[in-house]
Protein backbone atom coordinates (compact mmCIF):
# COMPACT_ATOMS: atom_id res chain seq x y z
CA UNK A 1 76.35 130.53 140.36
CA UNK A 2 80.27 130.70 139.88
CA UNK A 3 80.48 127.12 138.08
CA UNK A 4 81.41 128.17 134.79
CA UNK A 5 81.19 125.48 131.82
CA UNK A 6 83.21 126.35 128.81
CA UNK A 7 81.66 123.72 126.67
CA UNK A 8 78.84 125.03 123.85
CA UNK A 9 75.82 124.34 125.53
CA UNK A 10 77.49 123.37 128.83
CA UNK A 11 76.93 119.53 128.25
CA UNK A 12 78.04 117.28 130.96
CA UNK A 13 80.87 114.89 130.33
CA UNK A 14 79.54 111.37 131.06
CA UNK A 15 82.37 109.20 129.92
CA UNK A 16 84.16 108.29 133.09
CA UNK A 17 87.85 109.10 133.87
CA UNK A 18 90.08 106.46 134.93
CA UNK A 19 93.05 108.32 136.38
CA UNK A 20 92.96 111.96 137.51
CA UNK A 21 95.93 114.24 138.03
CA UNK A 22 95.59 116.97 140.53
CA UNK A 23 98.09 120.06 139.34
CA UNK A 24 96.80 122.86 141.37
CA UNK A 25 98.93 125.87 142.99
CA UNK A 26 98.26 127.15 146.56
CA UNK A 27 95.29 128.85 147.77
CA UNK A 28 97.25 131.62 149.10
CA UNK A 29 96.41 132.18 152.78
CA UNK A 30 94.53 129.19 153.10
CA UNK A 31 95.91 126.09 151.63
CA UNK A 32 99.30 125.07 150.50
CA UNK A 33 99.46 123.32 147.17
CA UNK A 34 100.06 119.89 148.92
CA UNK A 35 96.84 120.57 151.12
CA UNK A 36 94.80 121.50 148.06
CA UNK A 37 95.95 118.05 146.12
CA UNK A 38 95.19 116.33 149.60
CA UNK A 39 91.60 117.76 150.07
CA UNK A 40 90.69 117.34 146.38
CA UNK A 41 91.94 113.71 146.33
CA UNK A 42 89.92 113.06 149.43
CA UNK A 43 86.57 114.78 147.99
CA UNK A 44 87.00 112.55 144.76
CA UNK A 45 87.33 109.29 146.62
CA UNK A 46 84.34 109.93 148.65
CA UNK A 47 81.99 109.49 145.57
CA UNK A 48 84.68 107.20 143.33
CA UNK A 49 86.50 105.09 146.32
CA UNK A 50 88.62 103.03 144.02
CA UNK A 51 89.69 106.07 141.72
CA UNK A 52 93.40 106.59 140.89
CA UNK A 53 94.42 109.90 141.71
CA UNK A 54 98.01 111.35 141.06
CA UNK A 55 99.05 114.31 142.96
CA UNK A 56 101.47 117.02 141.40
CA UNK A 57 101.12 120.12 143.52
CA UNK A 58 102.71 123.08 141.21
CA UNK A 59 103.93 126.67 141.32
CA UNK A 60 104.94 129.13 139.14
CA UNK A 61 108.36 130.23 140.57
CA UNK A 62 106.94 132.28 143.83
CA UNK A 63 106.25 131.45 146.99
CA UNK A 64 105.58 127.55 147.45
CA UNK A 65 107.99 126.61 144.73
CA UNK A 66 110.54 124.43 146.77
CA UNK A 67 107.24 122.85 148.45
CA UNK A 68 106.29 122.11 145.11
CA UNK A 69 109.71 120.68 144.22
CA UNK A 70 109.80 118.56 147.75
CA UNK A 71 106.43 117.19 147.36
CA UNK A 72 107.61 115.97 143.70
CA UNK A 73 110.76 114.09 145.07
CA UNK A 74 113.27 116.72 145.71
CA UNK A 75 115.31 116.71 148.98
CA UNK A 76 114.40 119.66 151.35
CA UNK A 77 117.64 121.25 152.51
CA UNK A 78 117.73 124.16 155.05
CA UNK A 79 120.30 126.98 155.79
CA UNK A 80 120.67 129.92 157.88
CA UNK A 81 120.74 132.90 155.66
CA UNK A 82 120.15 136.78 156.36
CA UNK A 83 116.39 138.06 156.01
CA UNK A 84 115.33 141.08 154.26
CA UNK A 85 116.43 143.31 157.28
CA UNK A 86 119.72 141.21 157.86
CA UNK A 87 118.30 138.99 160.75
CA UNK A 88 119.30 135.53 160.46
CA UNK A 89 116.45 133.04 159.06
CA UNK A 90 116.00 129.34 158.34
CA UNK A 91 115.41 129.04 154.67
CA UNK A 92 115.08 125.85 152.30
CA UNK A 93 116.03 125.25 148.88
CA UNK A 94 115.15 121.84 147.26
CA UNK A 95 118.06 119.45 145.71
CA UNK A 96 117.53 116.55 143.42
CA UNK A 97 120.95 115.17 141.94
CA UNK A 98 122.69 118.30 140.58
CA UNK A 99 119.58 120.23 140.26
CA UNK A 100 118.57 122.67 142.44
CA UNK A 101 115.26 124.88 143.12
CA UNK A 102 116.16 128.15 144.90
CA UNK A 103 113.16 130.12 145.95
CA UNK A 104 114.17 133.86 146.91
CA UNK A 105 110.95 134.32 148.95
CA UNK A 106 112.52 131.69 151.33
CA UNK A 107 115.03 134.00 152.19
CA UNK A 108 113.70 137.76 151.05
CA UNK A 109 110.08 137.28 150.96
CA UNK A 110 107.49 139.39 152.70
CA UNK A 111 106.96 136.51 155.08
CA UNK A 112 110.11 137.06 156.04
CA UNK A 113 109.44 140.69 157.92
CA UNK A 114 108.38 141.08 161.46
CA UNK A 115 104.48 141.35 161.53
CA UNK A 116 103.59 145.14 160.16
CA UNK A 117 107.17 146.04 159.37
CA UNK A 118 107.56 146.80 155.67
CA UNK A 119 111.12 148.07 154.24
CA UNK A 120 110.78 149.23 150.82
CA UNK A 121 114.38 151.22 150.83
CA UNK A 122 116.41 149.07 152.81
CA UNK A 123 114.76 145.27 152.52
CA UNK A 124 117.97 143.26 151.01
CA UNK A 125 118.15 140.23 148.73
CA UNK A 126 121.60 139.17 150.46
CA UNK A 127 119.84 136.01 151.94
CA UNK A 128 118.68 134.82 148.26
CA UNK A 129 122.54 134.90 147.22
CA UNK A 130 123.45 133.23 150.27
CA UNK A 131 120.74 130.48 149.15
CA UNK A 132 122.26 130.26 145.62
CA UNK A 133 125.82 129.96 147.29
CA UNK A 134 124.46 127.04 149.50
CA UNK A 135 123.15 125.22 146.15
CA UNK A 136 126.56 125.56 144.59
CA UNK A 137 128.18 124.05 147.93
CA UNK A 138 125.82 120.98 147.52
CA UNK A 139 126.93 120.56 144.00
CA UNK A 140 124.22 122.02 141.83
CA UNK A 141 124.96 122.23 138.30
CA UNK A 142 121.56 123.22 137.31
CA UNK A 143 119.94 126.05 139.52
CA UNK A 144 116.12 127.10 138.95
CA UNK A 145 115.69 130.17 140.66
CA UNK A 146 112.33 130.95 141.09
CA UNK A 147 111.60 134.56 142.21
CA UNK A 148 108.16 136.14 143.52
CA UNK A 149 106.75 137.40 146.92
CA UNK A 150 109.62 139.56 147.57
CA UNK A 151 110.00 142.35 150.33
CA UNK A 152 112.95 143.97 148.23
CA UNK A 153 113.62 146.33 145.42
CA UNK A 154 117.17 146.35 145.36
CA UNK A 155 117.91 145.21 141.78
CA UNK A 156 119.60 141.96 143.00
CA UNK A 157 122.50 143.87 144.50
CA UNK A 158 122.30 142.20 148.06
CA UNK A 159 122.28 138.65 146.09
CA UNK A 160 125.06 139.80 144.21
CA UNK A 161 127.04 140.88 147.10
CA UNK A 162 126.26 137.75 148.66
CA UNK A 163 128.15 136.09 145.84
CA UNK A 164 131.24 138.18 145.82
CA UNK A 165 130.31 141.25 144.03
CA UNK A 166 131.28 144.76 145.56
CA UNK A 167 129.32 147.73 145.53
CA UNK A 168 131.06 151.03 146.91
CA UNK A 169 130.08 154.48 147.39
CA UNK A 170 132.51 157.45 146.84
CA UNK A 171 134.37 157.07 150.06
CA UNK A 172 135.19 153.40 149.27
CA UNK A 173 132.77 152.23 151.83
CA UNK A 174 130.01 149.73 150.85
CA UNK A 175 126.53 151.05 149.93
CA UNK A 176 123.83 150.43 152.63
CA UNK A 177 121.56 147.72 152.06
CA UNK A 178 118.19 148.04 150.02
CA UNK A 179 117.23 149.95 146.82
CA UNK A 180 117.65 153.15 148.61
CA UNK A 181 121.00 152.73 149.30
CA UNK A 182 121.87 152.30 145.29
CA UNK A 183 121.55 156.16 144.97
CA UNK A 184 124.94 156.56 146.37
CA UNK A 185 126.64 153.92 144.31
CA UNK A 186 129.77 155.17 142.70
CA UNK A 187 131.73 151.91 141.56
CA UNK A 188 130.64 148.40 141.12
CA UNK A 189 133.33 145.16 141.16
CA UNK A 190 132.09 142.12 139.90
CA UNK A 191 135.51 140.48 139.60
CA UNK A 192 134.99 138.52 142.93
CA UNK A 193 131.88 136.64 141.70
CA UNK A 194 131.89 133.11 142.77
CA UNK A 195 133.44 131.45 139.78
CA UNK A 196 131.26 128.41 140.43
CA UNK A 197 128.40 130.02 138.67
CA UNK A 198 130.36 130.04 135.20
CA UNK A 199 129.38 126.53 134.22
CA UNK A 200 126.05 126.49 135.82
CA UNK A 201 122.51 126.26 134.12
CA UNK A 202 120.89 129.28 135.80
CA UNK A 203 117.14 129.51 135.02
CA UNK A 204 115.19 132.60 136.14
CA UNK A 205 111.68 131.15 136.72
CA UNK A 206 109.18 134.14 137.28
CA UNK A 207 105.27 134.73 136.32
CA UNK A 208 105.88 138.29 135.54
CA UNK A 209 108.35 139.90 132.57
CA UNK A 210 108.38 143.68 133.69
CA UNK A 211 111.52 145.46 132.90
CA UNK A 212 113.71 146.91 135.67
CA UNK A 213 112.55 150.66 135.61
CA UNK A 214 109.96 152.65 134.37
CA UNK A 215 106.19 153.05 134.30
CA UNK A 216 106.24 149.13 134.04
CA UNK A 217 109.42 148.39 136.12
CA UNK A 218 109.62 147.10 139.73
CA UNK A 219 109.46 150.09 141.81
CA UNK A 220 106.38 151.13 140.17
CA UNK A 221 104.27 148.09 139.51
CA UNK A 222 105.21 146.31 142.75
CA UNK A 223 106.69 149.10 145.04
CA UNK A 224 103.53 150.01 146.65
CA UNK A 225 102.66 146.43 147.81
CA UNK A 226 106.01 146.20 149.78
CA UNK A 227 104.97 149.74 151.20
CA UNK A 228 106.63 152.22 149.00
CA UNK A 229 104.92 155.61 148.91
CA UNK A 230 104.80 157.47 145.50
CA UNK A 231 108.22 159.41 146.75
CA UNK A 232 109.64 156.23 147.67
CA UNK A 233 108.70 154.59 144.05
CA UNK A 234 110.36 157.88 142.49
CA UNK A 235 113.49 157.39 144.72
CA UNK A 236 113.57 153.61 143.89
CA UNK A 237 113.37 154.07 140.28
CA UNK A 238 115.98 156.47 139.93
CA UNK A 239 118.52 154.40 142.17
CA UNK A 240 117.91 151.07 140.25
CA UNK A 241 118.28 153.50 137.12
CA UNK A 242 121.36 154.49 138.43
CA UNK A 243 122.52 150.78 139.41
CA UNK A 244 122.18 150.12 135.67
CA UNK A 245 124.35 152.95 134.73
CA UNK A 246 127.28 152.44 137.09
CA UNK A 247 127.27 148.78 135.68
CA UNK A 248 127.76 150.11 132.21
CA UNK A 249 131.22 150.68 133.06
CA UNK A 250 131.82 147.44 134.48
CA UNK A 251 134.60 145.33 132.37
CA UNK A 252 132.50 142.55 130.54
CA UNK A 253 129.18 144.13 131.20
CA UNK A 254 129.29 147.31 129.36
CA UNK A 255 126.30 147.78 127.10
CA UNK A 256 124.76 144.59 128.43
CA UNK A 257 123.81 146.54 131.78
CA UNK A 258 121.35 148.43 129.74
CA UNK A 259 120.19 145.61 127.60
CA UNK A 260 119.75 143.30 130.69
CA UNK A 261 117.54 146.26 132.48
CA UNK A 262 115.06 146.41 129.72
CA UNK A 263 114.82 142.53 129.38
CA UNK A 264 111.66 140.77 130.03
CA UNK A 265 111.86 139.73 133.65
CA UNK A 266 114.38 142.12 134.98
CA UNK A 267 111.75 143.67 137.03
CA UNK A 268 110.87 140.58 138.85
CA UNK A 269 110.73 140.42 142.66
CA UNK A 270 112.18 143.73 143.12
CA UNK A 271 114.54 143.56 140.13
CA UNK A 272 116.30 140.16 141.49
CA UNK A 273 115.78 139.41 137.93
CA UNK A 274 118.25 141.66 136.85
CA UNK A 275 120.77 140.48 138.93
CA UNK A 276 119.88 137.08 138.08
CA UNK A 277 120.25 138.16 134.15
CA UNK A 278 123.65 139.70 135.05
CA UNK A 279 124.92 136.05 136.36
CA UNK A 280 124.07 134.63 133.06
CA UNK A 281 120.58 133.31 133.82
CA UNK A 282 118.03 132.48 131.04
CA UNK A 283 114.61 133.90 131.72
CA UNK A 284 111.42 131.44 131.40
CA UNK A 285 107.83 131.64 132.34
CA UNK A 286 107.90 130.20 136.05
CA UNK A 287 105.07 127.46 135.21
CA UNK A 288 106.89 126.33 132.03
CA UNK A 289 109.89 125.73 134.11
CA UNK A 290 108.52 124.02 137.20
CA UNK A 291 106.11 122.01 134.83
CA UNK A 292 109.41 120.57 133.26
CA UNK A 293 111.29 120.27 136.71
CA UNK A 294 108.11 118.29 138.40
CA UNK A 295 108.10 115.75 135.91
CA UNK A 296 104.50 117.06 134.76
CA UNK A 297 104.67 115.82 130.90
CA UNK A 298 104.85 112.08 131.98
CA UNK A 299 101.96 112.28 134.68
CA UNK A 300 100.10 114.13 131.99
CA UNK A 301 100.21 111.25 129.84
CA UNK A 302 98.65 108.78 132.29
CA UNK A 303 96.00 110.88 133.02
CA UNK A 304 92.30 111.16 131.83
CA UNK A 305 91.41 114.12 133.48
CA UNK A 306 93.36 116.85 134.72
CA UNK A 307 92.35 119.25 138.10
CA UNK A 308 93.92 122.42 138.21
CA UNK A 309 93.49 125.60 140.40
CA UNK A 310 94.48 128.42 142.46
CA UNK A 311 93.02 130.62 145.30
CA UNK A 312 91.55 133.20 142.88
CA UNK A 313 90.99 132.67 139.08
CA UNK A 314 90.94 136.01 137.23
CA UNK A 315 92.88 137.66 134.89
CA UNK A 316 96.10 137.79 136.13
CA UNK A 317 95.82 133.64 136.03
CA UNK A 318 95.80 134.31 132.21
CA UNK A 319 99.17 135.69 132.21
CA UNK A 320 101.79 133.20 133.39
CA UNK A 321 100.10 131.61 136.72
CA UNK A 322 100.22 127.98 137.13
CA UNK A 323 96.46 126.99 135.95
CA UNK A 324 97.14 128.60 132.91
CA UNK A 325 100.21 126.89 132.33
CA UNK A 326 98.77 123.44 133.37
CA UNK A 327 95.92 123.73 131.10
CA UNK A 328 97.53 124.96 128.29
CA UNK A 329 99.85 121.96 128.65
CA UNK A 330 96.87 119.65 128.85
CA UNK A 331 95.10 121.18 125.96
CA UNK A 332 98.12 120.56 123.90
CA UNK A 333 97.90 117.02 124.79
CA UNK A 334 94.00 116.53 124.56
CA UNK A 335 93.25 116.05 127.79
CA UNK A 336 90.24 117.66 129.98
CA UNK A 337 90.86 120.26 132.39
CA UNK A 338 88.72 121.20 135.28
CA UNK A 339 89.59 123.75 137.63
CA UNK A 340 89.17 124.82 141.37
CA UNK A 341 89.20 128.08 143.27
CA UNK A 342 88.59 130.27 145.98
CA UNK A 343 86.90 132.94 143.81
CA UNK A 344 86.38 133.05 140.13
CA UNK A 345 86.34 136.06 138.05
CA UNK A 346 86.55 134.68 134.34
CA UNK A 347 83.60 133.93 132.13
CA UNK A 348 82.84 130.71 130.56
CA UNK A 349 84.26 131.82 127.12
CA UNK A 350 87.62 132.82 128.49
CA UNK A 351 88.12 129.76 130.48
CA UNK A 352 87.71 127.72 127.52
CA UNK A 353 90.02 129.61 125.32
CA UNK A 354 92.55 128.86 128.18
CA UNK A 355 91.71 125.17 127.73
CA UNK A 356 89.84 124.87 131.13
CA UNK A 357 86.75 123.20 130.65
CA UNK A 358 84.64 123.78 133.91
CA UNK A 359 85.57 126.01 136.90
CA UNK A 360 84.31 125.59 140.37
CA UNK A 361 84.64 128.22 142.86
CA UNK A 362 84.29 127.57 146.70
CA UNK A 363 82.30 130.52 147.13
CA UNK A 364 79.24 128.57 145.45
CA UNK A 365 79.16 126.56 148.40
CA UNK A 366 80.26 129.29 151.01
CA UNK A 367 79.50 132.61 149.71
CA UNK A 368 81.02 134.32 153.15
CA UNK A 369 84.29 135.04 151.80
CA UNK A 370 85.92 135.20 155.39
CA UNK A 371 84.34 131.75 156.29
CA UNK A 372 85.25 130.47 153.12
CA UNK A 373 88.83 131.09 153.63
CA UNK A 374 89.06 129.81 157.10
CA UNK A 375 87.30 126.46 156.16
CA UNK A 376 88.71 126.23 152.87
CA UNK A 377 89.81 122.42 153.15
CA UNK A 378 86.29 121.13 153.96
CA UNK A 379 84.54 123.20 151.29
CA UNK A 380 87.21 122.17 148.94
CA UNK A 381 86.37 118.50 149.73
CA UNK A 382 82.89 119.28 148.98
CA UNK A 383 83.66 120.93 145.88
CA UNK A 384 85.56 117.79 144.63
CA UNK A 385 82.93 115.45 145.49
CA UNK A 386 80.90 117.66 142.95
CA UNK A 387 83.44 117.34 140.01
CA UNK A 388 83.43 113.42 140.80
CA UNK A 389 79.72 113.47 140.27
CA UNK A 390 80.01 115.94 137.16
CA UNK A 391 82.94 113.99 135.61
CA UNK A 392 83.57 110.74 136.79
CA UNK A 393 80.31 108.92 137.50
């Protein structure tokens, strides 16, 4: 059984909770965060029909961030931008008042590549810059820039180009798109950057804190999942290092170029974090930012029980993923937390230290992983029924 109970002795909670907050991330490849909340709610109410359930889908800055913002009341805005290979795609950002939530994966994510096509050396973040520009056009004064799930490893050069920067070869021609082209970079000019960026509160929201280059940098750690061979990784690491060196000669940047390259978050999403830092962004863990933006604190105050989760509860969950952030905030508020997941790979004592009282895996009810993924919705409803019987009846 993969039901993990972190309480001493595994004793069951008997006090009835009157209000439940469902604050879970997506089950990647199966259910969106919104669908997870809907399925959990349906299952809970089969056991407790009059239960008050508040749904607050969450995200940690990666793919699904805009959808979470829209579910929380932001307006979805669509715009045509360049995809990672230059073809036009329809991407979305979220707007509420003068606050915009921009998700780089909407423009430059792996899902924007044609099926079976990976382009580790040439994929560009230009479209992400166009998304930021669209947010500025809409009057955004605060921009939460969620990064993750990228197809790119260009250090944010494409994004900066879309916002007015120029990156030129020795012959005065622009460098080729993508991280590979940065090896030929001779001069960089940031004087044409959109002046509207200056007064904007710009937040870099990410669940990773890697530097730009080196053994823990963007090419080494994340390049292979974007199709980079060992030789490509070496080439990209050298190109991004060269990019930072050239930027050291740019007025107003100077030594900050190397400082930013080594800073936490610079290596996020193929180094787009580095480009964001150059624009004046402040790095914050993605889930912390999103909980603030989504209005989690008042929803938490109203709740008696919190249900969080994601597709796989494992060691990565503990390092900045949404369930860990939700559980930490709930524990600080004295609220009990249970989790749902497709797969559970954390023992009860680790869950307890993370603030999760008990975790329920879909594989408890359907051990066949492929079937579990295909039928995740109905199985999640049955799992929620178990939670209701254990905690609400």
